Amino acid sequence: MPKGKPAGESKRWRCLCSYDGTDFDGWQKQPSGLAVQDRIEHVLKEIFGQVIRTVGAGRTDAGVHADGQVFHFDGPWPHTCGAMLEALRAKLPAGIVPLEILPAKPNFHALSSAKGKRYRYRAIRGWAKPRDERFAHSLKNRKIDCDQINRALGFFIGEHDFSAFAVNRARDERSSVRKVWKVEVAERKDLIEFVVEGEGFLYKMVRSMVGALLDVGSGKMKPREVEEILKSRIRTERVVSAPAKGLSLEKVFYRKPWFV
């Protein structure tokens, strides 16, 4: 690993990373200092010898994981991309793994350059094994009919006001309208996986969608009720967010080539 303070011209860098969100307070910096972004910026400061600010492609809540989170930052680095990747991997705590670091165009922006994201939610019939428990929602005694779930998926497709499937917060987005182009459910033995793709997502939106779909699958809610709730644009106790640990940010899509 290169030693000493890096010198030279500052460049923009794009990093692809994966993390187990179980022991972190989400992606975004927190007063606790226990967010994924906090830990990454702490290590970047050690490596670069100066404060480095990162910009993520999106926020993940406490307990939510990422297979393909993207962030960018600016800094001078006279060595190879491989050397930077090695330095980050050596210093970051267990649970955060940078997968790739490459130079990006100066106008690349991890958040505003993104055209969409893919999330995957994992649920396991019965009781999950210990090795799976951190990354999947254990359904225990709930019986789920995926044929019923399939009848409700289409109601989410398209551009809608998703207020009924989001949780308000002080710094909420100005608009609750989002475009979703894919919602799928698949079964493999005891594993049930939901895949959701769209332009962007509100706070707890994907988990709320999955929570409602699981209620449809268990017979607690009828498929048509999903459409009724969506059109109401009002969040009520009828929608319960699925647990965070089953959710992972799988991929971020970009409009234009970001690489140099």
Protein backbone atom coordinates (compact mmCIF):
# COMPACT_ATOMS: atom_id res chain seq x y z
CA MET A 1 0.00 0.00 0.00
CA PRO A 2 1.40 3.44 -0.88
CA LYS A 3 2.56 5.48 2.07
CA GLY A 4 2.52 9.20 2.64
CA LYS A 5 0.11 11.90 1.56
CA PRO A 6 -1.01 11.52 -2.08
CA ALA A 7 -0.09 14.46 -4.28
CA GLY A 8 -1.00 15.67 -7.73
CA GLU A 9 -4.14 16.72 -9.53
CA SER A 10 -7.47 15.95 -7.91
CA LYS A 11 -9.68 13.58 -9.89
CA ARG A 12 -13.17 12.19 -9.55
CA TRP A 13 -13.37 8.54 -8.54
CA ARG A 14 -16.31 6.15 -8.81
CA CYS A 15 -16.48 3.29 -6.32
CA LEU A 16 -18.73 0.24 -6.37
CA CYS A 17 -19.12 -1.35 -2.96
CA SER A 18 -21.02 -4.00 -1.05
CA TYR A 19 -21.93 -4.05 2.62
CA ASP A 20 -23.74 -6.03 5.26
CA GLY A 21 -25.96 -3.39 6.85
CA THR A 22 -26.73 -5.35 10.03
CA ASP A 23 -24.34 -3.48 12.30
CA PHE A 24 -24.46 -0.06 10.62
CA ASP A 25 -26.84 2.90 10.98
CA GLY A 26 -27.64 2.92 7.28
CA TRP A 27 -25.56 4.46 4.48
CA GLN A 28 -25.85 8.19 5.24
CA LYS A 29 -23.60 9.92 7.79
CA GLN A 30 -25.03 9.92 11.32
CA PRO A 31 -24.18 11.69 14.60
CA SER A 32 -23.32 8.24 15.96
CA GLY A 33 -20.53 7.89 13.38
CA LEU A 34 -21.74 4.34 12.74
CA ALA A 35 -23.08 4.76 9.21
CA VAL A 36 -21.36 3.10 6.25
CA GLN A 37 -20.52 6.53 4.82
CA ASP A 38 -18.91 7.55 8.14
CA ARG A 39 -16.60 4.56 8.09
CA ILE A 40 -15.63 5.01 4.44
CA GLU A 41 -14.85 8.71 4.85
CA HIS A 42 -12.80 7.99 7.97
CA VAL A 43 -10.63 5.54 6.00
CA LEU A 44 -10.35 7.85 2.97
CA LYS A 45 -9.05 10.60 5.27
CA GLU A 46 -6.34 8.23 6.52
CA ILE A 47 -5.36 7.22 3.00
CA PHE A 48 -5.42 10.67 1.39
CA GLY A 49 -4.21 12.64 4.40
CA GLN A 50 -7.11 15.09 4.04
CA VAL A 51 -10.87 15.21 4.47
CA ILE A 52 -12.63 13.44 1.61
CA ARG A 53 -16.38 13.77 1.17
CA THR A 54 -18.34 11.05 -0.57
CA VAL A 55 -21.67 11.19 -2.42
CA GLY A 56 -23.72 8.00 -2.53
CA ALA A 57 -26.17 6.89 -5.19
CA GLY A 58 -28.86 6.57 -2.55
CA ARG A 59 -29.55 6.14 1.13
CA THR A 60 -30.16 2.73 2.65
CA ASP A 61 -31.80 2.47 6.08
CA ALA A 62 -30.26 0.90 9.15
CA GLY A 63 -30.10 -2.85 8.65
CA VAL A 64 -30.48 -2.68 4.85
CA HIS A 65 -27.68 -4.20 2.77
CA ALA A 66 -26.06 -3.35 -0.56
CA ASP A 67 -24.61 -5.56 -3.26
CA GLY A 68 -24.01 -2.66 -5.64
CA GLN A 69 -23.94 0.72 -3.90
CA VAL A 70 -22.12 3.41 -5.88
CA PHE A 71 -20.44 6.52 -4.52
CA HIS A 72 -18.06 9.13 -5.87
CA PHE A 73 -15.44 11.41 -4.35
CA ASP A 74 -12.69 13.78 -5.46
CA GLY A 75 -9.06 13.49 -4.47
CA PRO A 76 -5.47 13.37 -5.75
CA TRP A 77 -4.10 9.85 -6.25
CA PRO A 78 -0.82 9.33 -8.14
CA HIS A 79 -0.90 5.53 -7.79
CA THR A 80 -2.98 2.85 -9.51
CA CYS A 81 -6.69 2.23 -8.96
CA GLY A 82 -5.72 -1.20 -7.69
CA ALA A 83 -3.53 0.35 -5.00
CA MET A 84 -6.42 2.54 -3.81
CA LEU A 85 -8.76 -0.45 -3.75
CA GLU A 86 -6.22 -2.45 -1.75
CA ALA A 87 -5.76 0.40 0.73
CA LEU A 88 -9.50 0.73 1.30
CA ARG A 89 -10.02 -2.98 1.73
CA ALA A 90 -7.18 -3.21 4.24
CA LYS A 91 -8.57 -0.47 6.50
CA LEU A 92 -12.35 -0.77 6.29
CA PRO A 93 -14.15 -2.77 9.01
CA ALA A 94 -15.68 -6.16 8.38
CA GLY A 95 -18.95 -5.85 6.56
CA ILE A 96 -17.87 -3.20 4.02
CA VAL A 97 -16.14 -4.39 0.86
CA PRO A 98 -15.17 -2.07 -2.03
CA LEU A 99 -15.52 -4.03 -5.27
CA GLU A 100 -14.14 -1.59 -7.83
CA ILE A 101 -12.60 1.90 -8.02
CA LEU A 102 -12.14 3.66 -11.35
CA PRO A 103 -11.61 7.25 -12.53
CA ALA A 104 -14.85 8.93 -13.64
CA LYS A 105 -15.71 11.90 -15.81
CA PRO A 106 -15.62 15.22 -13.87
CA ASN A 107 -19.37 15.66 -14.30
CA PHE A 108 -20.26 12.17 -13.08
CA HIS A 109 -22.47 12.31 -9.99
CA ALA A 110 -23.33 9.09 -8.15
CA LEU A 111 -26.81 10.37 -7.24
CA SER A 112 -27.97 12.81 -9.93
CA SER A 113 -26.44 10.85 -12.84
CA ALA A 114 -28.38 7.72 -11.87
CA LYS A 115 -31.43 6.80 -13.94
CA GLY A 116 -32.68 4.09 -11.63
CA LYS A 117 -32.04 1.40 -9.04
CA ARG A 118 -32.76 -2.26 -8.50
CA TYR A 119 -33.63 -3.61 -5.07
CA ARG A 120 -33.99 -7.25 -4.08
CA TYR A 121 -35.93 -8.44 -1.04
CA ARG A 122 -35.44 -11.96 0.33
CA ALA A 123 -37.92 -13.84 2.50
CA ILE A 124 -37.64 -17.44 3.65
CA ARG A 125 -40.55 -19.78 4.34
CA GLY A 126 -40.46 -21.14 7.86
CA TRP A 127 -37.41 -20.39 9.99
CA ALA A 128 -34.23 -19.17 8.31
CA LYS A 129 -30.95 -20.91 9.08
CA PRO A 130 -28.50 -18.84 11.16
CA ARG A 131 -26.28 -18.14 8.13
CA ASP A 132 -29.29 -16.68 6.27
CA GLU A 133 -30.92 -14.85 9.17
CA ARG A 134 -28.90 -11.64 8.68
CA PHE A 135 -29.96 -11.28 5.05
CA ALA A 136 -33.53 -12.58 4.84
CA HIS A 137 -36.88 -12.12 6.54
CA SER A 138 -37.94 -15.35 8.25
CA LEU A 139 -41.65 -15.91 7.55
CA LYS A 140 -41.98 -18.51 10.32
CA ASN A 141 -45.61 -19.70 10.46
CA ARG A 142 -46.89 -17.42 7.68
CA LYS A 143 -48.13 -19.30 4.62
CA ILE A 144 -47.53 -17.34 1.41
CA ASP A 145 -49.32 -17.88 -1.91
CA CYS A 146 -47.17 -16.35 -4.66
CA ASP A 147 -49.97 -16.76 -7.22
CA GLN A 148 -51.97 -14.23 -5.23
CA ILE A 149 -48.95 -11.92 -5.03
CA ASN A 150 -48.57 -12.06 -8.82
CA ARG A 151 -52.12 -10.72 -9.17
CA ALA A 152 -51.12 -7.57 -7.28
CA LEU A 153 -47.71 -6.76 -8.79
CA GLY A 154 -49.02 -4.87 -11.81
CA PHE A 155 -50.69 -2.19 -9.71
CA PHE A 156 -47.25 -0.79 -8.83
CA ILE A 157 -46.01 -0.54 -12.42
CA GLY A 158 -45.90 2.95 -13.94
CA GLU A 159 -45.74 6.47 -12.55
CA HIS A 160 -47.74 6.93 -9.36
CA ASP A 161 -47.90 8.97 -6.19
CA PHE A 162 -46.48 6.46 -3.69
CA SER A 163 -47.37 8.42 -0.53
CA ALA A 164 -49.38 5.46 0.79
CA PHE A 165 -46.29 3.24 0.55
CA ALA A 166 -43.77 5.62 2.11
CA VAL A 167 -42.99 6.93 5.59
CA ASN A 168 -42.83 10.70 6.01
CA ARG A 169 -39.82 12.35 7.57
CA ALA A 170 -38.69 15.90 8.23
CA ARG A 171 -36.57 16.18 5.08
CA ASP A 172 -38.94 14.38 2.77
CA GLU A 173 -38.74 14.77 -0.99
CA ARG A 174 -40.80 17.54 -2.58
CA SER A 175 -42.74 15.07 -4.71
CA SER A 176 -44.02 11.62 -3.85
CA VAL A 177 -44.42 10.66 -7.52
CA ARG A 178 -42.10 7.87 -8.64
CA LYS A 179 -41.85 5.68 -11.73
CA VAL A 180 -41.52 1.92 -11.22
CA TRP A 181 -40.91 -0.27 -14.26
CA LYS A 182 -40.42 -3.72 -12.74
CA VAL A 183 -41.90 -5.62 -9.80
CA GLU A 184 -41.39 -9.37 -9.80
CA VAL A 185 -41.63 -12.27 -7.36
CA ALA A 186 -39.82 -15.60 -7.76
CA GLU A 187 -39.66 -18.78 -5.70
CA ARG A 188 -36.71 -21.14 -5.26
CA LYS A 189 -37.49 -23.89 -2.77
CA ASP A 190 -38.10 -22.03 0.52
CA LEU A 191 -36.75 -18.69 -0.76
CA ILE A 192 -39.13 -15.99 -2.00
CA GLU A 193 -37.45 -13.05 -3.76
CA PHE A 194 -38.96 -9.74 -4.79
CA VAL A 195 -37.19 -7.57 -7.39
CA VAL A 196 -38.19 -3.91 -7.72
CA GLU A 197 -36.73 -1.49 -10.27
CA GLY A 198 -37.55 2.17 -10.79
CA GLU A 199 -36.26 5.70 -11.22
CA GLY A 200 -36.16 6.39 -7.51
CA PHE A 201 -37.74 5.40 -4.23
CA LEU A 202 -39.22 7.16 -1.21
CA TYR A 203 -38.26 6.44 2.39
CA LYS A 204 -39.19 2.80 3.18
CA MET A 205 -41.11 2.55 -0.10
CA VAL A 206 -39.74 -0.81 -1.23
CA ARG A 207 -40.12 -2.37 2.21
CA SER A 208 -43.71 -1.08 2.36
CA MET A 209 -44.49 -2.51 -1.07
CA VAL A 210 -43.09 -5.88 -0.03
CA GLY A 211 -44.94 -5.76 3.28
CA ALA A 212 -48.23 -5.24 1.45
CA LEU A 213 -47.46 -7.99 -1.07
CA LEU A 214 -46.68 -10.45 1.73
CA ASP A 215 -50.04 -9.57 3.28
CA VAL A 216 -51.66 -10.35 -0.08
CA GLY A 217 -49.80 -13.66 -0.17
CA SER A 218 -50.94 -14.57 3.32
CA GLY A 219 -54.57 -13.69 2.61
CA LYS A 220 -54.62 -10.72 4.98
CA MET A 221 -55.15 -8.38 2.04
CA LYS A 222 -56.81 -8.88 -1.35
CA PRO A 223 -54.80 -8.06 -4.50
CA ARG A 224 -57.23 -5.28 -5.48
CA GLU A 225 -56.66 -3.58 -2.11
CA VAL A 226 -53.10 -2.75 -3.21
CA GLU A 227 -54.52 -0.59 -5.99
CA GLU A 228 -57.03 1.02 -3.61
CA ILE A 229 -54.32 1.89 -1.10
CA LEU A 230 -52.02 3.27 -3.81
CA LYS A 231 -54.76 5.51 -5.22
CA SER A 232 -55.67 6.79 -1.75
CA ARG A 233 -52.20 8.40 -1.41
CA ILE A 234 -52.60 8.14 2.38
CA ARG A 235 -50.35 6.05 4.60
CA THR A 236 -52.33 4.06 7.17
CA GLU A 237 -51.78 1.07 9.45
CA ARG A 238 -52.97 -1.19 6.61
CA VAL A 239 -49.43 -1.02 5.18
CA VAL A 240 -46.66 -2.52 7.33
CA SER A 241 -43.03 -2.25 6.19
CA ALA A 242 -41.21 -5.55 5.83
CA PRO A 243 -38.11 -5.89 8.09
CA ALA A 244 -34.97 -4.10 6.88
CA LYS A 245 -32.68 -7.14 6.91
CA GLY A 246 -34.34 -8.72 3.88
CA LEU A 247 -33.59 -5.77 1.59
CA SER A 248 -30.51 -5.11 -0.53
CA LEU A 249 -29.64 -2.38 -3.02
CA GLU A 250 -28.53 -4.58 -5.89
CA LYS A 251 -27.68 -2.25 -8.77
CA VAL A 252 -27.62 1.42 -9.77
CA PHE A 253 -28.25 2.27 -13.42
CA TYR A 254 -26.70 5.29 -15.15
CA ARG A 255 -27.89 7.29 -18.15
CA LYS A 256 -24.54 7.85 -19.86
CA PRO A 257 -21.08 6.29 -19.75
CA TRP A 258 -19.45 7.57 -16.58
CA PHE A 259 -15.92 6.32 -17.20
CA VAL A 260 -13.02 8.37 -18.57
